[in-house]
Amino acid sequence: NNAYQDETIMRESVYFTIMRPYTVCPAACMARLYINGQYRGVFSQAQQENSDLIREYFPDTDGDRWRAPNLDGSGSLQYLGNTNLATYTPHYELKSDYNTNAWPRLINAIYAFNNTATNILRDKAEDVLAVDRWLWFLALENILADDDSYWNKGSDYMFYFEPESGRIHPVEHD
C-alpha cells in the first residue's frame, strides 16, 4: 500500500531489512520515482512474494506457497475440529501451482501441531514446522509490533512447504 499511514515511509523497508537475515522475507528499499522525467517523490518498494523470493532461501520452488488471508484469525494453523478439506479451504489460499498433496500436507501439519501429546510435541513440531525460523519470525513480529500478522491477528501472513525437509516455513508478508 506504499506506506499507507506511515508518514516516515520507512517502516516497511526497515522492518524487512531487520527480518530478512532470520526468516524468509522480501527485500525492501526506498526509491526516488521519476515519471516521464518528472520527480514524483520517494516511495517504499518491496519485493513480490513469489517463486523468485522462495528461490533465494530454498533449493527450488517445488513446494506449496500459502497465504492466510485477513479473516478472523482462523488461518493461524489451528485445528478446526476435523481433517476435512472443506473445513480448511476458506481459511487459506494456495498461491503456488496446485499439487494434489498440498492440502493434505497442510492439514497434517496443523493436526500434528495441535493434537500431539505435549511430551512428544517438540519432536513432532520439528517434523512439520521449521521451528527455528518460526521462533525468529514470531519474535521479530512481536518486537517490531507487526499488527498485520500471524502473531497479532492469526492471519495475513504466508508460509511455504519445503519438499526437501517436509516442513513449513513462515514467509513475512507485509
N, C-alpha and C. Protein backbone atom coordinates (compact mmCIF):
# COMPACT_ATOMS: atom_id res chain seq x y z
N ASN A 1 0.82 -1.20 0.00
CA ASN A 1 0.00 0.00 0.00
C ASN A 1 0.85 1.26 0.00
N ASN A 2 2.09 1.11 -0.38
CA ASN A 2 3.04 2.22 -0.45
C ASN A 2 3.04 3.05 0.83
N ALA A 3 3.30 2.38 1.94
CA ALA A 3 3.47 3.03 3.23
C ALA A 3 2.21 3.74 3.72
N TYR A 4 1.07 3.18 3.46
CA TYR A 4 -0.19 3.75 3.93
C TYR A 4 -0.13 3.96 5.44
N GLN A 5 -0.48 5.12 5.90
CA GLN A 5 -0.48 5.54 7.31
C GLN A 5 0.92 5.50 7.95
N ASP A 6 1.95 5.60 7.14
CA ASP A 6 3.32 5.67 7.64
C ASP A 6 3.94 6.94 7.11
N GLU A 7 3.86 7.99 7.89
CA GLU A 7 4.35 9.29 7.44
C GLU A 7 5.84 9.29 7.14
N THR A 8 6.58 8.40 7.78
CA THR A 8 8.02 8.34 7.51
C THR A 8 8.33 7.59 6.22
N ILE A 9 7.41 6.79 5.75
CA ILE A 9 7.51 5.84 4.63
C ILE A 9 8.71 4.90 4.76
N MET A 10 9.21 4.75 5.95
CA MET A 10 10.38 3.90 6.17
C MET A 10 10.06 2.58 6.87
N ARG A 11 8.88 2.46 7.45
CA ARG A 11 8.56 1.32 8.31
C ARG A 11 8.78 -0.02 7.58
N GLU A 12 8.21 -0.17 6.40
CA GLU A 12 8.31 -1.44 5.68
C GLU A 12 9.76 -1.76 5.32
N SER A 13 10.49 -0.80 4.84
CA SER A 13 11.88 -1.02 4.45
C SER A 13 12.75 -1.40 5.65
N VAL A 14 12.60 -0.71 6.76
CA VAL A 14 13.37 -1.01 7.96
C VAL A 14 12.96 -2.39 8.50
N TYR A 15 11.66 -2.65 8.56
CA TYR A 15 11.14 -3.92 9.08
C TYR A 15 11.69 -5.11 8.28
N PHE A 16 11.58 -5.05 6.95
CA PHE A 16 12.07 -6.15 6.12
C PHE A 16 13.58 -6.31 6.23
N THR A 17 14.30 -5.22 6.32
CA THR A 17 15.75 -5.29 6.43
C THR A 17 16.17 -5.98 7.73
N ILE A 18 15.47 -5.71 8.80
CA ILE A 18 15.77 -6.37 10.08
C ILE A 18 15.39 -7.85 10.03
N MET A 19 14.25 -8.18 9.45
CA MET A 19 13.76 -9.57 9.45
C MET A 19 14.51 -10.49 8.49
N ARG A 20 14.95 -9.97 7.38
CA ARG A 20 15.48 -10.78 6.29
C ARG A 20 16.58 -11.77 6.67
N PRO A 21 17.50 -11.46 7.56
CA PRO A 21 18.52 -12.46 7.92
C PRO A 21 17.99 -13.64 8.73
N TYR A 22 16.80 -13.51 9.30
CA TYR A 22 16.31 -14.51 10.23
C TYR A 22 15.19 -15.39 9.70
N THR A 23 14.48 -14.92 8.72
CA THR A 23 13.36 -15.69 8.18
C THR A 23 13.14 -15.31 6.72
N VAL A 24 12.35 -16.08 6.03
CA VAL A 24 12.06 -15.80 4.63
C VAL A 24 11.30 -14.48 4.56
N CYS A 25 11.89 -13.51 3.88
CA CYS A 25 11.34 -12.16 3.91
C CYS A 25 11.71 -11.42 2.63
N PRO A 26 10.78 -10.66 2.07
CA PRO A 26 11.09 -9.87 0.88
C PRO A 26 12.14 -8.80 1.17
N ALA A 27 12.86 -8.42 0.15
CA ALA A 27 13.76 -7.28 0.25
C ALA A 27 12.92 -6.01 0.09
N ALA A 28 13.41 -4.91 0.64
CA ALA A 28 12.70 -3.64 0.52
C ALA A 28 13.71 -2.51 0.46
N CYS A 29 13.27 -1.41 -0.10
CA CYS A 29 14.15 -0.25 -0.20
C CYS A 29 13.30 1.00 -0.40
N MET A 30 13.98 2.11 -0.42
CA MET A 30 13.35 3.38 -0.75
C MET A 30 13.78 3.73 -2.18
N ALA A 31 12.88 4.29 -2.94
CA ALA A 31 13.20 4.63 -4.33
C ALA A 31 12.71 6.03 -4.68
N ARG A 32 13.54 6.75 -5.40
CA ARG A 32 13.11 8.04 -5.95
C ARG A 32 12.37 7.73 -7.24
N LEU A 33 11.17 8.24 -7.36
CA LEU A 33 10.34 7.92 -8.52
C LEU A 33 10.29 9.10 -9.48
N TYR A 34 10.62 8.79 -10.72
CA TYR A 34 10.52 9.76 -11.81
C TYR A 34 9.56 9.18 -12.84
N ILE A 35 8.61 9.97 -13.29
CA ILE A 35 7.69 9.56 -14.35
C ILE A 35 7.84 10.57 -15.46
N ASN A 36 8.23 10.07 -16.64
CA ASN A 36 8.48 10.94 -17.80
C ASN A 36 9.42 12.08 -17.45
N GLY A 37 10.46 11.77 -16.68
CA GLY A 37 11.46 12.75 -16.31
C GLY A 37 11.07 13.67 -15.17
N GLN A 38 9.85 13.57 -14.67
CA GLN A 38 9.40 14.45 -13.59
C GLN A 38 9.48 13.70 -12.26
N TYR A 39 10.17 14.30 -11.30
CA TYR A 39 10.34 13.71 -9.98
C TYR A 39 9.01 13.71 -9.23
N ARG A 40 8.60 12.54 -8.71
CA ARG A 40 7.33 12.40 -8.00
C ARG A 40 7.48 12.16 -6.51
N GLY A 41 8.70 11.95 -6.04
CA GLY A 41 8.91 11.75 -4.62
C GLY A 41 9.58 10.43 -4.31
N VAL A 42 9.71 10.15 -3.02
CA VAL A 42 10.32 8.92 -2.54
C VAL A 42 9.20 7.94 -2.18
N PHE A 43 9.38 6.70 -2.59
CA PHE A 43 8.39 5.66 -2.35
C PHE A 43 9.04 4.44 -1.74
N SER A 44 8.29 3.72 -0.96
CA SER A 44 8.72 2.45 -0.40
C SER A 44 8.49 1.37 -1.46
N GLN A 45 9.45 0.49 -1.59
CA GLN A 45 9.35 -0.57 -2.61
C GLN A 45 9.68 -1.90 -1.95
N ALA A 46 8.87 -2.92 -2.20
CA ALA A 46 9.10 -4.25 -1.62
C ALA A 46 9.02 -5.31 -2.70
N GLN A 47 9.84 -6.33 -2.52
CA GLN A 47 9.89 -7.46 -3.43
C GLN A 47 8.57 -8.24 -3.38
N GLN A 48 8.17 -8.78 -4.51
CA GLN A 48 6.98 -9.62 -4.56
C GLN A 48 7.23 -10.94 -3.83
N GLU A 49 6.20 -11.48 -3.20
CA GLU A 49 6.32 -12.77 -2.50
C GLU A 49 5.94 -13.89 -3.47
N ASN A 50 6.86 -14.19 -4.37
CA ASN A 50 6.60 -15.19 -5.40
C ASN A 50 7.76 -16.20 -5.44
N SER A 51 7.84 -16.97 -6.51
CA SER A 51 8.87 -18.00 -6.59
C SER A 51 10.28 -17.42 -6.61
N ASP A 52 10.46 -16.19 -7.07
CA ASP A 52 11.79 -15.57 -7.02
C ASP A 52 12.26 -15.42 -5.57
N LEU A 53 11.37 -15.01 -4.69
CA LEU A 53 11.71 -14.89 -3.27
C LEU A 53 12.02 -16.27 -2.70
N ILE A 54 11.20 -17.26 -2.98
CA ILE A 54 11.40 -18.61 -2.47
C ILE A 54 12.75 -19.16 -2.93
N ARG A 55 13.11 -18.91 -4.17
CA ARG A 55 14.37 -19.39 -4.74
C ARG A 55 15.59 -18.83 -3.98
N GLU A 56 15.45 -17.66 -3.38
CA GLU A 56 16.56 -17.07 -2.61
C GLU A 56 16.85 -17.86 -1.32
N TYR A 57 15.86 -18.54 -0.79
CA TYR A 57 16.00 -19.21 0.51
C TYR A 57 16.01 -20.73 0.43
N PHE A 58 15.52 -21.30 -0.67
CA PHE A 58 15.37 -22.75 -0.77
C PHE A 58 16.00 -23.28 -2.06
N PRO A 59 16.31 -24.59 -2.08
CA PRO A 59 16.96 -25.17 -3.27
C PRO A 59 16.12 -25.07 -4.55
N ASP A 60 14.80 -25.13 -4.41
CA ASP A 60 13.93 -25.00 -5.58
C ASP A 60 12.59 -24.41 -5.15
N THR A 61 11.69 -24.29 -6.08
CA THR A 61 10.38 -23.68 -5.78
C THR A 61 9.24 -24.69 -5.95
N ASP A 62 9.55 -25.96 -5.77
CA ASP A 62 8.56 -27.01 -5.99
C ASP A 62 7.58 -27.19 -4.84
N GLY A 63 7.77 -26.48 -3.74
CA GLY A 63 6.87 -26.62 -2.60
C GLY A 63 5.61 -25.80 -2.75
N ASP A 64 4.76 -25.90 -1.77
CA ASP A 64 3.48 -25.19 -1.79
C ASP A 64 3.64 -23.86 -1.05
N ARG A 65 3.13 -22.78 -1.66
CA ARG A 65 3.11 -21.46 -1.03
C ARG A 65 1.68 -21.15 -0.64
N TRP A 66 1.50 -20.66 0.58
CA TRP A 66 0.18 -20.39 1.12
C TRP A 66 0.10 -18.98 1.66
N ARG A 67 -1.10 -18.47 1.72
CA ARG A 67 -1.37 -17.21 2.41
C ARG A 67 -2.59 -17.43 3.29
N ALA A 68 -2.51 -16.94 4.51
CA ALA A 68 -3.67 -16.93 5.40
C ALA A 68 -4.25 -15.53 5.27
N PRO A 69 -5.36 -15.39 4.55
CA PRO A 69 -5.90 -14.05 4.30
C PRO A 69 -6.38 -13.37 5.58
N ASN A 70 -6.61 -12.11 5.45
CA ASN A 70 -7.00 -11.27 6.58
C ASN A 70 -8.46 -11.55 6.94
N LEU A 71 -8.66 -12.62 7.70
CA LEU A 71 -10.02 -13.02 8.10
C LEU A 71 -10.17 -12.88 9.61
N ASP A 72 -10.65 -13.92 10.21
CA ASP A 72 -10.97 -13.89 11.64
C ASP A 72 -9.91 -14.56 12.52
N GLY A 73 -8.74 -14.77 11.99
CA GLY A 73 -7.69 -15.41 12.76
C GLY A 73 -7.69 -16.92 12.67
N SER A 74 -8.62 -17.49 11.93
CA SER A 74 -8.71 -18.95 11.83
C SER A 74 -7.66 -19.54 10.92
N GLY A 75 -6.82 -18.70 10.32
CA GLY A 75 -5.72 -19.17 9.50
C GLY A 75 -4.43 -19.26 10.28
N SER A 76 -4.52 -19.40 11.58
CA SER A 76 -3.34 -19.39 12.43
C SER A 76 -2.84 -20.80 12.75
N LEU A 77 -2.93 -21.67 11.77
CA LEU A 77 -2.51 -23.06 11.92
C LEU A 77 -3.22 -23.75 13.07
N GLN A 78 -4.46 -23.36 13.31
CA GLN A 78 -5.22 -24.00 14.38
C GLN A 78 -6.08 -25.12 13.81
N TYR A 79 -6.22 -26.14 14.61
CA TYR A 79 -7.05 -27.29 14.26
C TYR A 79 -8.51 -26.87 14.36
N LEU A 80 -9.30 -27.16 13.32
CA LEU A 80 -10.69 -26.72 13.26
C LEU A 80 -11.68 -27.86 13.49
N GLY A 81 -11.26 -28.86 14.25
CA GLY A 81 -12.16 -29.91 14.70
C GLY A 81 -12.21 -31.17 13.86
N ASN A 82 -11.65 -31.12 12.66
CA ASN A 82 -11.61 -32.31 11.81
C ASN A 82 -10.52 -32.14 10.76
N THR A 83 -10.34 -33.15 9.94
CA THR A 83 -9.33 -33.08 8.88
C THR A 83 -9.98 -32.98 7.50
N ASN A 84 -11.21 -32.55 7.46
CA ASN A 84 -11.94 -32.41 6.20
C ASN A 84 -11.41 -31.21 5.42
N LEU A 85 -11.07 -31.44 4.18
CA LEU A 85 -10.51 -30.40 3.32
C LEU A 85 -11.40 -29.16 3.26
N ALA A 86 -12.70 -29.35 3.16
CA ALA A 86 -13.63 -28.22 3.04
C ALA A 86 -13.62 -27.32 4.27
N THR A 87 -13.21 -27.84 5.39
CA THR A 87 -13.14 -27.04 6.62
C THR A 87 -12.01 -26.01 6.53
N TYR A 88 -10.93 -26.36 5.82
CA TYR A 88 -9.73 -25.52 5.81
C TYR A 88 -9.63 -24.60 4.59
N THR A 89 -10.25 -24.96 3.48
CA THR A 89 -10.09 -24.16 2.26
C THR A 89 -10.56 -22.71 2.38
N PRO A 90 -11.56 -22.38 3.20
CA PRO A 90 -11.92 -20.96 3.32
C PRO A 90 -10.89 -20.12 4.09
N HIS A 91 -9.97 -20.77 4.80
CA HIS A 91 -9.06 -20.07 5.70
C HIS A 91 -7.65 -19.89 5.16
N TYR A 92 -7.36 -20.52 4.03
CA TYR A 92 -6.02 -20.46 3.43
C TYR A 92 -6.15 -20.34 1.92
N GLU A 93 -5.22 -19.62 1.32
CA GLU A 93 -5.17 -19.52 -0.14
C GLU A 93 -3.89 -20.20 -0.62
N LEU A 94 -4.04 -21.17 -1.50
CA LEU A 94 -2.89 -21.82 -2.11
C LEU A 94 -2.38 -20.89 -3.21
N LYS A 95 -1.15 -20.39 -3.09
CA LYS A 95 -0.61 -19.41 -4.02
C LYS A 95 0.29 -20.03 -5.09
N SER A 96 0.69 -21.28 -4.92
CA SER A 96 1.53 -21.95 -5.91
C SER A 96 0.66 -22.83 -6.79
N ASP A 97 1.26 -23.42 -7.79
CA ASP A 97 0.52 -24.33 -8.66
C ASP A 97 -0.08 -25.44 -7.83
N TYR A 98 -1.30 -25.83 -8.18
CA TYR A 98 -1.99 -26.84 -7.40
C TYR A 98 -1.25 -28.16 -7.44
N ASN A 99 -1.02 -28.71 -6.28
CA ASN A 99 -0.39 -30.00 -6.09
C ASN A 99 -1.38 -30.84 -5.31
N THR A 100 -1.65 -32.05 -5.75
CA THR A 100 -2.67 -32.87 -5.09
C THR A 100 -2.33 -33.16 -3.63
N ASN A 101 -1.07 -33.02 -3.26
CA ASN A 101 -0.67 -33.26 -1.87
C ASN A 101 -0.67 -31.99 -1.02
N ALA A 102 -0.89 -30.85 -1.62
CA ALA A 102 -0.78 -29.57 -0.91
C ALA A 102 -1.72 -29.51 0.29
N TRP A 103 -2.99 -29.69 0.07
CA TRP A 103 -3.96 -29.59 1.17
C TRP A 103 -3.74 -30.67 2.23
N PRO A 104 -3.57 -31.95 1.85
CA PRO A 104 -3.30 -32.95 2.90
C PRO A 104 -2.05 -32.66 3.72
N ARG A 105 -1.00 -32.12 3.08
CA ARG A 105 0.22 -31.78 3.84
C ARG A 105 -0.06 -30.68 4.86
N LEU A 106 -0.81 -29.66 4.43
CA LEU A 106 -1.14 -28.57 5.35
C LEU A 106 -1.98 -29.07 6.51
N ILE A 107 -3.01 -29.83 6.22
CA ILE A 107 -3.90 -30.34 7.26
C ILE A 107 -3.14 -31.27 8.21
N ASN A 108 -2.24 -32.10 7.67
CA ASN A 108 -1.43 -32.98 8.51
C ASN A 108 -0.57 -32.16 9.47
N ALA A 109 0.06 -31.10 8.98
CA ALA A 109 0.90 -30.25 9.84
C ALA A 109 0.06 -29.59 10.93
N ILE A 110 -1.10 -29.08 10.55
CA ILE A 110 -1.99 -28.45 11.53
C ILE A 110 -2.43 -29.47 12.58
N TYR A 111 -2.83 -30.65 12.13
CA TYR A 111 -3.26 -31.69 13.05
C TYR A 111 -2.13 -32.07 14.02
N ALA A 112 -0.95 -32.33 13.47
CA ALA A 112 0.19 -32.74 14.29
C ALA A 112 0.56 -31.66 15.30
N PHE A 113 0.57 -30.42 14.86
CA PHE A 113 0.96 -29.31 15.74
C PHE A 113 -0.03 -29.10 16.87
N ASN A 114 -1.30 -29.37 16.62
CA ASN A 114 -2.35 -29.10 17.60
C ASN A 114 -2.80 -30.30 18.42
N ASN A 115 -2.53 -31.51 17.96
CA ASN A 115 -3.09 -32.69 18.61
C ASN A 115 -2.06 -33.70 19.09
N THR A 116 -0.82 -33.29 19.17
CA THR A 116 0.24 -34.18 19.65
C THR A 116 0.39 -34.01 21.16
N ALA A 117 0.59 -35.10 21.84
CA ALA A 117 0.80 -35.05 23.30
C ALA A 117 1.99 -34.15 23.61
N THR A 118 1.90 -33.39 24.67
CA THR A 118 2.94 -32.41 25.00
C THR A 118 4.30 -33.03 25.24
N ASN A 119 4.34 -34.27 25.71
CA ASN A 119 5.64 -34.89 25.98
C ASN A 119 6.41 -35.24 24.70
N ILE A 120 5.75 -35.26 23.55
CA ILE A 120 6.46 -35.52 22.28
C ILE A 120 6.26 -34.38 21.27
N LEU A 121 5.63 -33.29 21.73
CA LEU A 121 5.32 -32.18 20.83
C LEU A 121 6.57 -31.55 20.22
N ARG A 122 7.62 -31.39 21.01
CA ARG A 122 8.82 -30.75 20.48
C ARG A 122 9.35 -31.49 19.25
N ASP A 123 9.46 -32.79 19.34
CA ASP A 123 9.97 -33.57 18.20
C ASP A 123 8.99 -33.56 17.04
N LYS A 124 7.70 -33.70 17.34
CA LYS A 124 6.69 -33.72 16.28
C LYS A 124 6.59 -32.37 15.58
N ALA A 125 6.68 -31.30 16.35
CA ALA A 125 6.64 -29.96 15.74
C ALA A 125 7.81 -29.78 14.80
N GLU A 126 8.98 -30.26 15.17
CA GLU A 126 10.16 -30.18 14.29
C GLU A 126 9.96 -30.96 13.00
N ASP A 127 9.14 -32.00 13.04
CA ASP A 127 8.88 -32.78 11.83
C ASP A 127 8.04 -32.03 10.82
N VAL A 128 7.16 -31.15 11.28
CA VAL A 128 6.22 -30.49 10.36
C VAL A 128 6.45 -28.99 10.20
N LEU A 129 7.16 -28.37 11.15
CA LEU A 129 7.41 -26.92 11.09
C LEU A 129 8.90 -26.64 11.22
N ALA A 130 9.37 -25.64 10.51
CA ALA A 130 10.75 -25.17 10.65
C ALA A 130 10.78 -24.31 11.92
N VAL A 131 10.86 -24.96 13.06
CA VAL A 131 10.66 -24.31 14.35
C VAL A 131 11.60 -23.13 14.56
N ASP A 132 12.88 -23.25 14.24
CA ASP A 132 13.80 -22.14 14.45
C ASP A 132 13.36 -20.90 13.67
N ARG A 133 13.00 -21.09 12.41
CA ARG A 133 12.53 -19.94 11.62
C ARG A 133 11.22 -19.37 12.17
N TRP A 134 10.33 -20.24 12.61
CA TRP A 134 9.07 -19.75 13.19
C TRP A 134 9.34 -18.94 14.46
N LEU A 135 10.27 -19.39 15.29
CA LEU A 135 10.56 -18.65 16.52
C LEU A 135 11.14 -17.27 16.22
N TRP A 136 12.07 -17.19 15.26
CA TRP A 136 12.61 -15.89 14.86
C TRP A 136 11.51 -15.01 14.28
N PHE A 137 10.72 -15.60 13.41
CA PHE A 137 9.62 -14.89 12.76
C PHE A 137 8.66 -14.30 13.81
N LEU A 138 8.24 -15.11 14.75
CA LEU A 138 7.29 -14.66 15.78
C LEU A 138 7.92 -13.65 16.73
N ALA A 139 9.17 -13.88 17.11
CA ALA A 139 9.84 -12.93 18.00
C ALA A 139 9.96 -11.56 17.33
N LEU A 140 10.37 -11.53 16.08
CA LEU A 140 10.53 -10.25 15.39
C LEU A 140 9.19 -9.58 15.12
N GLU A 141 8.16 -10.36 14.79
CA GLU A 141 6.83 -9.75 14.63
C GLU A 141 6.38 -9.11 15.94
N ASN A 142 6.67 -9.75 17.04
CA ASN A 142 6.29 -9.21 18.35
C ASN A 142 7.12 -7.99 18.71
N ILE A 143 8.42 -8.08 18.59
CA ILE A 143 9.31 -6.97 18.95
C ILE A 143 9.02 -5.74 18.10
N LEU A 144 8.78 -5.95 16.81
CA LEU A 144 8.56 -4.84 15.90
C LEU A 144 7.09 -4.45 15.79
N ALA A 145 6.25 -5.06 16.62
CA ALA A 145 4.82 -4.71 16.72
C ALA A 145 4.10 -4.75 15.38
N ASP A 146 4.26 -5.86 14.66
CA ASP A 146 3.57 -6.04 13.39
C ASP A 146 2.10 -6.33 13.69
N ASP A 147 1.23 -5.37 13.44
CA ASP A 147 -0.18 -5.56 13.78
C ASP A 147 -0.96 -6.28 12.70
N ASP A 148 -0.33 -6.62 11.62
CA ASP A 148 -0.98 -7.30 10.50
C ASP A 148 -0.23 -8.62 10.28
N SER A 149 -0.45 -9.60 11.17
CA SER A 149 0.47 -10.72 11.21
C SER A 149 -0.12 -11.98 11.84
N TYR A 150 0.68 -13.04 11.78
CA TYR A 150 0.34 -14.27 12.48
C TYR A 150 0.25 -13.98 13.98
N TRP A 151 1.24 -13.29 14.49
CA TRP A 151 1.35 -13.03 15.93
C TRP A 151 0.15 -12.27 16.48
N ASN A 152 -0.24 -11.22 15.79
CA ASN A 152 -1.28 -10.33 16.30
C ASN A 152 -2.69 -10.79 15.94
N LYS A 153 -2.92 -11.14 14.68
CA LYS A 153 -4.27 -11.47 14.22
C LYS A 153 -4.47 -12.92 13.83
N GLY A 154 -3.39 -13.65 13.68
CA GLY A 154 -3.51 -15.03 13.22
C GLY A 154 -3.90 -15.10 11.76
N SER A 155 -3.57 -14.06 11.03
CA SER A 155 -3.89 -14.03 9.60
C SER A 155 -3.00 -13.02 8.89
N ASP A 156 -3.14 -12.97 7.60
CA ASP A 156 -2.39 -12.07 6.73
C ASP A 156 -0.89 -12.29 6.83
N TYR A 157 -0.51 -13.54 6.70
CA TYR A 157 0.89 -13.94 6.63
C TYR A 157 0.98 -15.05 5.60
N MET A 158 2.20 -15.45 5.26
CA MET A 158 2.39 -16.50 4.26
C MET A 158 3.27 -17.60 4.85
N PHE A 159 3.27 -18.76 4.21
CA PHE A 159 4.17 -19.83 4.58
C PHE A 159 4.43 -20.72 3.38
N TYR A 160 5.51 -21.49 3.48
CA TYR A 160 5.97 -22.31 2.36
C TYR A 160 6.28 -23.71 2.86
N PHE A 161 5.77 -24.72 2.15
CA PHE A 161 6.10 -26.11 2.45
C PHE A 161 7.33 -26.46 1.63
N GLU A 162 8.43 -26.77 2.32
CA GLU A 162 9.69 -27.13 1.67
C GLU A 162 9.73 -28.64 1.47
N PRO A 163 9.69 -29.13 0.22
CA PRO A 163 9.69 -30.57 -0.01
C PRO A 163 10.94 -31.29 0.51
N GLU A 164 12.08 -30.61 0.45
CA GLU A 164 13.34 -31.24 0.86
C GLU A 164 13.33 -31.62 2.34
N SER A 165 12.75 -30.79 3.18
CA SER A 165 12.72 -31.08 4.62
C SER A 165 11.37 -31.61 5.07
N GLY A 166 10.32 -31.38 4.26
CA GLY A 166 8.97 -31.79 4.66
C GLY A 166 8.38 -30.88 5.72
N ARG A 167 8.93 -29.65 5.84
CA ARG A 167 8.48 -28.74 6.90
C ARG A 167 7.93 -27.44 6.32
N ILE A 168 7.11 -26.78 7.11
CA ILE A 168 6.51 -25.50 6.73
C ILE A 168 7.33 -24.37 7.34
N HIS A 169 7.66 -23.39 6.49
CA HIS A 169 8.44 -22.21 6.90
C HIS A 169 7.56 -20.97 6.81
N PRO A 170 7.70 -20.05 7.76
CA PRO A 170 6.96 -18.78 7.64
C PRO A 170 7.59 -17.92 6.56
N VAL A 171 6.76 -17.10 5.94
CA VAL A 171 7.22 -16.12 4.95
C VAL A 171 6.60 -14.79 5.35
N GLU A 172 7.43 -13.81 5.61
CA GLU A 172 6.91 -12.50 6.01
C GLU A 172 6.10 -11.92 4.85
N HIS A 173 4.97 -11.36 5.17
CA HIS A 173 4.06 -10.87 4.12
C HIS A 173 4.10 -9.35 3.97
N ASP A 174 3.76 -8.62 4.98
CA ASP A 174 3.81 -7.16 4.89
C ASP A 174 3.77 -6.53 6.27
